[in-house]
Amino acid sequence: MKCYVSNQEVQFQETEVTFAAGNGGEMQQVCVHPAVSYQQILGMGGALTEAAAYTYSRMSAEKKQQLLALYFGDGNDYNFCRLHIQSCDFALGNYAYVEDAQDRELNSFSIERDQKRRQPRTHIRG
């Protein structure tokens, strides 16, 4: 299986990872039972978070293309993405679409923060 590593020394370094039978310790193994299935996997994907959108906005055009190819091309072959609603642990800060807890009419409702970074990178295909 292909695995891509990015850290302080390398970016998108491709390595090969293999699965092997063994008796690894608790929390250090992935157990695969090919004869047992619980549900159908429709695809794989990731989250389009504010932090991811910010990082993407600071990448060069070449790195953006490389990243998209790794996610949606022959790399991970993603076919699903999810968007968080309001703030999340990978936002650049805490926020809500309605900041005023007393605003029962939602007059202060705003998605302006999402429109700045996340929505320009979101394309919905039917």
C-alpha atoms as a PDB file:
ATOM      1  CA  MET A   1       0.000   0.000   0.000  1.00  0.00           C
ATOM      2  CA  LYS A   2       1.261   3.477  -0.782  1.00  0.00           C
ATOM      3  CA  CYS A   3       1.828   5.804   2.130  1.00  0.00           C
ATOM      4  CA  TYR A   4       2.785   9.470   1.829  1.00  0.00           C
ATOM      5  CA  VAL A   5       4.733  11.146   4.629  1.00  0.00           C
ATOM      6  CA  SER A   6       5.087  14.870   5.243  1.00  0.00           C
ATOM      7  CA  ASN A   7       7.034  16.341   8.120  1.00  0.00           C
ATOM      8  CA  GLN A   8       9.718  18.972   8.746  1.00  0.00           C
ATOM      9  CA  GLU A   9      12.223  17.157   6.523  1.00  0.00           C
ATOM     10  CA  VAL A  10      10.096  15.883   3.616  1.00  0.00           C
ATOM     11  CA  GLN A  11       6.866  16.657   1.797  1.00  0.00           C
ATOM     12  CA  PHE A  12       4.718  13.910   0.232  1.00  0.00           C
ATOM     13  CA  GLN A  13       7.520  11.319   0.405  1.00  0.00           C
ATOM     14  CA  GLU A  14       6.117   8.094  -1.033  1.00  0.00           C
ATOM     15  CA  THR A  15       6.790   4.853   0.843  1.00  0.00           C
ATOM     16  CA  GLU A  16       5.380   1.345   0.674  1.00  0.00           C
ATOM     17  CA  VAL A  17       3.642  -0.195   3.691  1.00  0.00           C
ATOM     18  CA  THR A  18       2.762  -3.875   3.938  1.00  0.00           C
ATOM     19  CA  PHE A  19       0.400  -5.701   6.248  1.00  0.00           C
ATOM     20  CA  ALA A  20       1.644  -8.821   8.001  1.00  0.00           C
ATOM     21  CA  ALA A  21       0.121 -11.319  10.386  1.00  0.00           C
ATOM     22  CA  GLY A  22       1.402 -11.025  13.902  1.00  0.00           C
ATOM     23  CA  ASN A  23       0.646 -10.595  17.568  1.00  0.00           C
ATOM     24  CA  GLY A  24       1.289  -6.883  18.025  1.00  0.00           C
ATOM     25  CA  GLY A  25       0.465  -5.240  21.316  1.00  0.00           C
ATOM     26  CA  GLU A  26      -2.777  -3.475  22.070  1.00  0.00           C
ATOM     27  CA  MET A  27      -3.207  -0.188  20.170  1.00  0.00           C
ATOM     28  CA  GLN A  28      -0.306  -1.054  17.850  1.00  0.00           C
ATOM     29  CA  GLN A  29      -2.116  -3.113  15.258  1.00  0.00           C
ATOM     30  CA  VAL A  30      -4.846  -3.136  12.678  1.00  0.00           C
ATOM     31  CA  CYS A  31      -6.837  -6.361  12.627  1.00  0.00           C
ATOM     32  CA  VAL A  32      -8.190  -7.314   9.208  1.00  0.00           C
ATOM     33  CA  HIS A  33     -10.632 -10.214   8.913  1.00  0.00           C
ATOM     34  CA  PRO A  34     -11.400 -10.650   5.190  1.00  0.00           C
ATOM     35  CA  ALA A  35     -14.126 -13.228   5.830  1.00  0.00           C
ATOM     36  CA  VAL A  36     -16.121 -10.848   8.043  1.00  0.00           C
ATOM     37  CA  SER A  37     -18.003  -7.876   6.624  1.00  0.00           C
ATOM     38  CA  TYR A  38     -20.361  -5.522   8.424  1.00  0.00           C
ATOM     39  CA  GLN A  39     -21.097  -2.894   5.830  1.00  0.00           C
ATOM     40  CA  GLN A  40     -20.312  -1.864   2.296  1.00  0.00           C
ATOM     41  CA  ILE A  41     -17.649   0.803   1.876  1.00  0.00           C
ATOM     42  CA  LEU A  42     -18.867   3.357  -0.647  1.00  0.00           C
ATOM     43  CA  GLY A  43     -15.635   5.305  -0.735  1.00  0.00           C
ATOM     44  CA  MET A  44     -12.995   7.155   1.193  1.00  0.00           C
ATOM     45  CA  GLY A  45     -12.411  10.824   1.801  1.00  0.00           C
ATOM     46  CA  GLY A  46     -11.390  13.564   4.142  1.00  0.00           C
ATOM     47  CA  ALA A  47     -12.567  16.758   5.779  1.00  0.00           C
ATOM     48  CA  LEU A  48     -12.319  20.176   4.165  1.00  0.00           C
ATOM     49  CA  THR A  49     -11.538  22.165   7.295  1.00  0.00           C
ATOM     50  CA  GLU A  50     -10.687  25.815   7.725  1.00  0.00           C
ATOM     51  CA  ALA A  51      -7.087  24.904   8.624  1.00  0.00           C
ATOM     52  CA  ALA A  52      -6.778  22.723   5.516  1.00  0.00           C
ATOM     53  CA  ALA A  53      -8.193  25.498   3.319  1.00  0.00           C
ATOM     54  CA  TYR A  54      -5.794  28.024   4.846  1.00  0.00           C
ATOM     55  CA  THR A  55      -2.807  25.735   4.294  1.00  0.00           C
ATOM     56  CA  TYR A  56      -3.941  25.035   0.728  1.00  0.00           C
ATOM     57  CA  SER A  57      -4.258  28.782   0.035  1.00  0.00           C
ATOM     58  CA  ARG A  58      -0.584  29.249   0.977  1.00  0.00           C
ATOM     59  CA  MET A  59       0.742  26.471  -1.291  1.00  0.00           C
ATOM     60  CA  SER A  60       2.307  27.044  -4.694  1.00  0.00           C
ATOM     61  CA  ALA A  61       0.242  26.160  -7.770  1.00  0.00           C
ATOM     62  CA  GLU A  62       2.505  23.152  -8.350  1.00  0.00           C
ATOM     63  CA  LYS A  63       2.027  21.829  -4.800  1.00  0.00           C
ATOM     64  CA  LYS A  64      -1.743  22.394  -5.027  1.00  0.00           C
ATOM     65  CA  GLN A  65      -1.898  20.232  -8.158  1.00  0.00           C
ATOM     66  CA  GLN A  66       0.285  17.593  -6.508  1.00  0.00           C
ATOM     67  CA  LEU A  67      -1.928  17.539  -3.407  1.00  0.00           C
ATOM     68  CA  LEU A  68      -5.153  17.252  -5.422  1.00  0.00           C
ATOM     69  CA  ALA A  69      -3.660  14.459  -7.520  1.00  0.00           C
ATOM     70  CA  LEU A  70      -2.647  12.575  -4.360  1.00  0.00           C
ATOM     71  CA  TYR A  71      -6.087  12.963  -2.785  1.00  0.00           C
ATOM     72  CA  PHE A  72      -8.371  12.450  -5.759  1.00  0.00           C
ATOM     73  CA  GLY A  73      -6.131  10.700  -8.294  1.00  0.00           C
ATOM     74  CA  ASP A  74      -4.163   7.486  -8.092  1.00  0.00           C
ATOM     75  CA  GLY A  75      -2.894   8.362  -4.611  1.00  0.00           C
ATOM     76  CA  ASN A  76      -5.763   8.029  -2.137  1.00  0.00           C
ATOM     77  CA  ASP A  77      -8.507   7.998  -4.808  1.00  0.00           C
ATOM     78  CA  TYR A  78     -10.881   9.977  -2.567  1.00  0.00           C
ATOM     79  CA  ASN A  79     -14.480  10.238  -3.688  1.00  0.00           C
ATOM     80  CA  PHE A  80     -16.024  11.777  -0.560  1.00  0.00           C
ATOM     81  CA  CYS A  81     -15.359  14.981   1.381  1.00  0.00           C
ATOM     82  CA  ARG A  82     -17.122  16.450   4.364  1.00  0.00           C
ATOM     83  CA  LEU A  83     -17.472  20.011   5.592  1.00  0.00           C
ATOM     84  CA  HIS A  84     -17.713  20.895   9.263  1.00  0.00           C
ATOM     85  CA  ILE A  85     -20.543  23.133  10.388  1.00  0.00           C
ATOM     86  CA  GLN A  86     -19.340  26.148  12.342  1.00  0.00           C
ATOM     87  CA  SER A  87     -16.072  25.771  14.243  1.00  0.00           C
ATOM     88  CA  CYS A  88     -14.256  22.469  14.701  1.00  0.00           C
ATOM     89  CA  ASP A  89     -10.980  21.285  16.182  1.00  0.00           C
ATOM     90  CA  PHE A  90      -9.265  22.043  12.850  1.00  0.00           C
ATOM     91  CA  ALA A  91     -10.601  25.588  12.499  1.00  0.00           C
ATOM     92  CA  LEU A  92      -8.267  28.545  12.914  1.00  0.00           C
ATOM     93  CA  GLY A  93     -10.263  29.581  15.982  1.00  0.00           C
ATOM     94  CA  ASN A  94     -13.603  29.079  17.688  1.00  0.00           C
ATOM     95  CA  TYR A  95     -16.649  30.598  16.022  1.00  0.00           C
ATOM     96  CA  ALA A  96     -20.371  30.080  15.534  1.00  0.00           C
ATOM     97  CA  TYR A  97     -22.717  31.040  12.721  1.00  0.00           C
ATOM     98  CA  VAL A  98     -24.752  32.900  15.347  1.00  0.00           C
ATOM     99  CA  GLU A  99     -22.416  34.422  17.935  1.00  0.00           C
ATOM    100  CA  ASP A 100     -25.180  36.064  19.999  1.00  0.00           C
ATOM    101  CA  ALA A 101     -26.788  33.402  22.212  1.00  0.00           C
ATOM    102  CA  GLN A 102     -29.819  35.694  22.689  1.00  0.00           C
ATOM    103  CA  ASP A 103     -30.486  35.990  18.927  1.00  0.00           C
ATOM    104  CA  ARG A 104     -33.494  33.650  18.700  1.00  0.00           C
ATOM    105  CA  GLU A 105     -34.492  35.082  15.301  1.00  0.00           C
ATOM    106  CA  LEU A 106     -31.038  34.286  13.810  1.00  0.00           C
ATOM    107  CA  ASN A 107     -30.660  37.871  12.599  1.00  0.00           C
ATOM    108  CA  SER A 108     -26.900  37.699  13.145  1.00  0.00           C
ATOM    109  CA  PHE A 109     -26.515  34.398  11.260  1.00  0.00           C
ATOM    110  CA  SER A 110     -23.458  34.553   9.016  1.00  0.00           C
ATOM    111  CA  ILE A 111     -21.351  32.084   7.025  1.00  0.00           C
ATOM    112  CA  GLU A 112     -18.966  34.849   5.965  1.00  0.00           C
ATOM    113  CA  ARG A 113     -16.002  33.102   7.582  1.00  0.00           C
ATOM    114  CA  ASP A 114     -16.631  29.915   5.574  1.00  0.00           C
ATOM    115  CA  GLN A 115     -17.080  31.924   2.386  1.00  0.00           C
ATOM    116  CA  LYS A 116     -13.608  33.389   2.817  1.00  0.00           C
ATOM    117  CA  ARG A 117     -11.607  30.139   2.648  1.00  0.00           C
ATOM    118  CA  ARG A 118     -13.634  26.943   2.506  1.00  0.00           C
ATOM    119  CA  GLN A 119     -16.426  27.609   0.023  1.00  0.00           C
ATOM    120  CA  PRO A 120     -14.182  28.783  -2.847  1.00  0.00           C
ATOM    121  CA  ARG A 121     -12.517  25.348  -2.731  1.00  0.00           C
ATOM    122  CA  THR A 122     -15.776  23.377  -2.594  1.00  0.00           C
ATOM    123  CA  HIS A 123     -17.362  22.151  -5.798  1.00  0.00           C
ATOM    124  CA  ILE A 124     -20.443  19.958  -5.685  1.00  0.00           C
ATOM    125  CA  ARG A 125     -20.976  17.520  -8.506  1.00  0.00           C
ATOM    126  CA  GLY A 126     -24.355  15.901  -9.078  1.00  0.00           C
END
